[in-house]
């Protein structure tokens, strides 16, 4: 009898807030960068977003990740949070 293998569901980011404004230029810039020069479907890119606490960096990343997921449903997006000292 063969053993059934269970593949865990990937971690999901929480969705962005419904009303997100004044960052469309930044969202478009990041999207363009991440989608540019795709040599292969497995090519990876890194985008670093930095700034002062409370200016919306995390929400910006969530908006970009949500839009990328709509276009690339099987993509893996990682958001790493580093606390500055």
N, C-alpha and C. Protein backbone atom coordinates (compact mmCIF):
# COMPACT_ATOMS: atom_id res chain seq x y z
N UNK A 1 0.84 -1.17 0.00
CA UNK A 1 0.00 0.00 0.00
C UNK A 1 0.90 1.24 0.00
N UNK A 2 0.65 2.20 -0.89
CA UNK A 2 1.47 3.40 -0.95
C UNK A 2 1.01 4.42 0.09
N UNK A 3 1.96 5.17 0.56
CA UNK A 3 1.69 6.19 1.58
C UNK A 3 1.36 7.50 0.88
N UNK A 4 0.30 8.16 1.30
CA UNK A 4 -0.12 9.44 0.72
C UNK A 4 0.74 10.55 1.31
N UNK A 5 1.33 11.37 0.45
CA UNK A 5 2.18 12.48 0.89
C UNK A 5 1.35 13.75 0.91
N UNK A 6 1.42 14.46 2.01
CA UNK A 6 0.70 15.71 2.14
C UNK A 6 1.66 16.88 1.95
N UNK A 7 1.32 17.77 1.04
CA UNK A 7 2.13 18.96 0.80
C UNK A 7 1.48 20.12 1.54
N UNK A 8 2.21 20.79 2.43
CA UNK A 8 1.60 21.88 3.20
C UNK A 8 1.27 23.07 2.30
N UNK A 9 0.24 23.80 2.68
CA UNK A 9 -0.09 25.02 1.96
C UNK A 9 0.98 26.07 2.24
N UNK A 10 1.32 26.86 1.23
CA UNK A 10 2.32 27.91 1.47
C UNK A 10 1.76 28.98 2.40
N UNK A 11 2.65 29.62 3.11
CA UNK A 11 2.23 30.74 3.96
C UNK A 11 1.69 31.84 3.07
N UNK A 12 0.67 32.49 3.54
CA UNK A 12 0.05 33.57 2.76
C UNK A 12 0.22 34.88 3.52
N UNK A 13 0.53 35.91 2.78
CA UNK A 13 0.58 37.24 3.37
C UNK A 13 -0.84 37.72 3.58
N UNK A 14 -1.03 38.54 4.59
CA UNK A 14 -2.35 39.12 4.75
C UNK A 14 -2.59 40.09 3.60
N UNK A 15 -3.82 40.22 3.16
CA UNK A 15 -4.11 41.09 2.02
C UNK A 15 -3.87 42.55 2.38
N UNK A 16 -3.60 43.38 1.37
CA UNK A 16 -3.40 44.80 1.64
C UNK A 16 -4.72 45.45 2.05
N UNK A 17 -4.62 46.62 2.64
CA UNK A 17 -5.83 47.36 3.00
C UNK A 17 -6.60 47.68 1.73
N UNK A 18 -7.91 47.84 1.86
CA UNK A 18 -8.73 48.08 0.68
C UNK A 18 -8.49 49.45 0.08
N UNK A 19 -8.23 50.43 0.89
CA UNK A 19 -7.98 51.79 0.39
C UNK A 19 -6.50 52.09 0.57
N UNK A 20 -5.80 52.12 -0.53
CA UNK A 20 -4.36 52.38 -0.51
C UNK A 20 -4.07 53.38 -1.61
N UNK A 21 -3.57 54.54 -1.24
CA UNK A 21 -3.40 55.59 -2.24
C UNK A 21 -2.07 56.31 -2.06
N UNK A 22 -1.75 57.13 -3.01
CA UNK A 22 -0.53 57.96 -3.03
C UNK A 22 0.75 57.15 -3.16
N UNK A 23 0.67 55.91 -3.53
CA UNK A 23 1.87 55.09 -3.71
C UNK A 23 1.87 54.37 -5.06
N UNK A 24 0.98 54.76 -5.96
CA UNK A 24 0.92 54.08 -7.25
C UNK A 24 2.23 54.17 -8.02
N UNK A 25 2.92 55.31 -7.94
CA UNK A 25 4.21 55.43 -8.63
C UNK A 25 5.21 54.42 -8.09
N UNK A 26 5.27 54.27 -6.75
CA UNK A 26 6.19 53.33 -6.14
C UNK A 26 5.80 51.89 -6.49
N UNK A 27 4.50 51.59 -6.44
CA UNK A 27 4.03 50.24 -6.78
C UNK A 27 4.41 49.93 -8.22
N UNK A 28 4.15 50.85 -9.14
CA UNK A 28 4.47 50.64 -10.56
C UNK A 28 5.97 50.46 -10.76
N UNK A 29 6.78 51.25 -10.07
CA UNK A 29 8.23 51.16 -10.19
C UNK A 29 8.74 49.79 -9.73
N UNK A 30 8.25 49.32 -8.59
CA UNK A 30 8.68 48.02 -8.06
C UNK A 30 8.20 46.90 -8.98
N UNK A 31 6.95 46.98 -9.43
CA UNK A 31 6.42 45.96 -10.34
C UNK A 31 7.25 45.90 -11.62
N UNK A 32 7.57 47.05 -12.19
CA UNK A 32 8.36 47.09 -13.42
C UNK A 32 9.74 46.48 -13.19
N UNK A 33 10.36 46.81 -12.06
CA UNK A 33 11.68 46.26 -11.74
C UNK A 33 11.63 44.74 -11.61
N UNK A 34 10.65 44.24 -10.86
CA UNK A 34 10.58 42.81 -10.60
C UNK A 34 10.23 42.00 -11.86
N UNK A 35 9.51 42.61 -12.80
CA UNK A 35 9.12 41.90 -14.00
C UNK A 35 10.08 42.09 -15.17
N UNK A 36 11.03 43.02 -15.04
CA UNK A 36 11.95 43.33 -16.13
C UNK A 36 13.00 42.24 -16.32
N UNK A 37 13.40 42.04 -17.56
CA UNK A 37 14.51 41.15 -17.92
C UNK A 37 14.38 39.76 -17.32
N UNK A 38 13.24 39.17 -17.45
CA UNK A 38 13.04 37.81 -16.94
C UNK A 38 13.70 36.82 -17.90
N UNK A 39 14.86 36.33 -17.50
CA UNK A 39 15.58 35.40 -18.35
C UNK A 39 14.93 34.02 -18.36
N UNK A 40 14.38 33.64 -17.24
CA UNK A 40 13.70 32.35 -17.16
C UNK A 40 12.61 32.47 -16.09
N UNK A 41 11.66 31.55 -16.11
CA UNK A 41 10.60 31.60 -15.11
C UNK A 41 11.09 31.45 -13.68
N UNK A 42 12.30 30.94 -13.51
CA UNK A 42 12.81 30.74 -12.15
C UNK A 42 13.80 31.82 -11.73
N UNK A 43 13.98 32.83 -12.57
CA UNK A 43 14.92 33.89 -12.19
C UNK A 43 14.36 34.68 -11.02
N UNK A 44 15.21 34.94 -10.05
CA UNK A 44 14.76 35.65 -8.86
C UNK A 44 15.30 37.05 -8.81
N UNK A 45 14.60 37.92 -8.14
CA UNK A 45 15.04 39.29 -7.95
C UNK A 45 14.79 39.68 -6.51
N UNK A 46 15.54 40.67 -6.08
CA UNK A 46 15.41 41.19 -4.72
C UNK A 46 15.16 42.68 -4.81
N UNK A 47 14.20 43.14 -4.06
CA UNK A 47 13.90 44.57 -3.99
C UNK A 47 13.91 44.96 -2.52
N UNK A 48 14.74 45.92 -2.16
CA UNK A 48 14.85 46.37 -0.78
C UNK A 48 14.05 47.67 -0.61
N UNK A 49 13.16 47.68 0.36
CA UNK A 49 12.36 48.87 0.67
C UNK A 49 12.77 49.30 2.07
N UNK A 50 13.24 50.52 2.20
CA UNK A 50 13.66 50.98 3.52
C UNK A 50 13.16 52.40 3.76
N UNK A 51 13.10 52.77 5.01
CA UNK A 51 12.64 54.10 5.38
C UNK A 51 12.27 54.13 6.84
N UNK A 52 11.78 55.26 7.26
CA UNK A 52 11.42 55.45 8.65
C UNK A 52 10.22 54.59 9.04
N UNK A 53 10.13 54.30 10.32
CA UNK A 53 9.04 53.51 10.86
C UNK A 53 7.71 54.23 10.65
N UNK A 54 6.70 53.48 10.21
CA UNK A 54 5.36 54.04 10.11
C UNK A 54 5.01 54.73 8.81
N UNK A 55 5.88 54.64 7.80
CA UNK A 55 5.59 55.35 6.55
C UNK A 55 4.88 54.47 5.51
N UNK A 56 4.65 53.19 5.84
CA UNK A 56 3.88 52.33 4.96
C UNK A 56 4.68 51.35 4.12
N UNK A 57 5.89 51.01 4.56
CA UNK A 57 6.74 50.07 3.80
C UNK A 57 6.09 48.70 3.71
N UNK A 58 5.58 48.20 4.82
CA UNK A 58 4.97 46.88 4.84
C UNK A 58 3.74 46.84 3.95
N UNK A 59 2.91 47.85 4.02
CA UNK A 59 1.70 47.88 3.19
C UNK A 59 2.06 47.99 1.72
N UNK A 60 3.10 48.75 1.40
CA UNK A 60 3.58 48.83 0.02
C UNK A 60 3.97 47.44 -0.48
N UNK A 61 4.69 46.69 0.34
CA UNK A 61 5.09 45.33 -0.03
C UNK A 61 3.89 44.41 -0.20
N UNK A 62 2.89 44.57 0.65
CA UNK A 62 1.68 43.74 0.53
C UNK A 62 0.92 44.04 -0.76
N UNK A 63 0.85 45.31 -1.13
CA UNK A 63 0.17 45.69 -2.37
C UNK A 63 0.89 45.08 -3.56
N UNK A 64 2.22 45.20 -3.59
CA UNK A 64 3.01 44.65 -4.70
C UNK A 64 2.85 43.12 -4.74
N UNK A 65 2.96 42.47 -3.59
CA UNK A 65 2.82 41.01 -3.54
C UNK A 65 1.44 40.57 -4.03
N UNK A 66 0.40 41.29 -3.65
CA UNK A 66 -0.95 40.96 -4.08
C UNK A 66 -1.08 41.09 -5.59
N UNK A 67 -0.53 42.15 -6.16
CA UNK A 67 -0.61 42.35 -7.61
C UNK A 67 0.22 41.32 -8.36
N UNK A 68 1.37 40.98 -7.81
CA UNK A 68 2.19 39.94 -8.45
C UNK A 68 1.48 38.60 -8.41
N UNK A 69 0.81 38.32 -7.29
CA UNK A 69 0.08 37.05 -7.17
C UNK A 69 -1.03 36.96 -8.21
N UNK A 70 -1.67 38.08 -8.52
CA UNK A 70 -2.73 38.07 -9.53
C UNK A 70 -2.17 37.69 -10.90
N UNK A 71 -0.94 38.10 -11.18
CA UNK A 71 -0.33 37.83 -12.48
C UNK A 71 0.46 36.52 -12.51
N UNK A 72 1.11 36.21 -11.39
CA UNK A 72 1.94 35.01 -11.28
C UNK A 72 1.45 34.20 -10.09
N UNK A 73 0.38 33.45 -10.26
CA UNK A 73 -0.28 32.79 -9.14
C UNK A 73 0.58 31.73 -8.45
N UNK A 74 1.61 31.22 -9.13
CA UNK A 74 2.45 30.20 -8.51
C UNK A 74 3.77 30.76 -7.99
N UNK A 75 3.92 32.08 -8.00
CA UNK A 75 5.17 32.71 -7.53
C UNK A 75 5.27 32.65 -6.01
N UNK A 76 6.50 32.68 -5.53
CA UNK A 76 6.76 32.73 -4.09
C UNK A 76 7.28 34.12 -3.76
N UNK A 77 6.66 34.77 -2.82
CA UNK A 77 7.07 36.11 -2.40
C UNK A 77 7.46 36.05 -0.93
N UNK A 78 8.63 36.56 -0.63
CA UNK A 78 9.11 36.57 0.75
C UNK A 78 9.31 38.01 1.19
N UNK A 79 8.78 38.34 2.34
CA UNK A 79 9.00 39.65 2.93
C UNK A 79 9.73 39.42 4.24
N UNK A 80 10.94 39.95 4.32
CA UNK A 80 11.75 39.78 5.52
C UNK A 80 11.75 41.11 6.27
N UNK A 81 11.43 41.04 7.53
CA UNK A 81 11.39 42.23 8.36
C UNK A 81 12.64 42.27 9.24
N UNK A 82 13.41 43.32 9.12
CA UNK A 82 14.57 43.52 9.98
C UNK A 82 14.33 44.76 10.82
N UNK A 83 14.52 44.62 12.08
CA UNK A 83 14.36 45.76 12.97
C UNK A 83 15.72 46.46 13.07
N UNK A 84 15.73 47.72 12.71
CA UNK A 84 16.95 48.52 12.80
C UNK A 84 17.24 48.84 14.26
N UNK A 85 18.50 48.83 14.61
CA UNK A 85 18.88 49.14 16.00
C UNK A 85 18.94 50.63 16.22
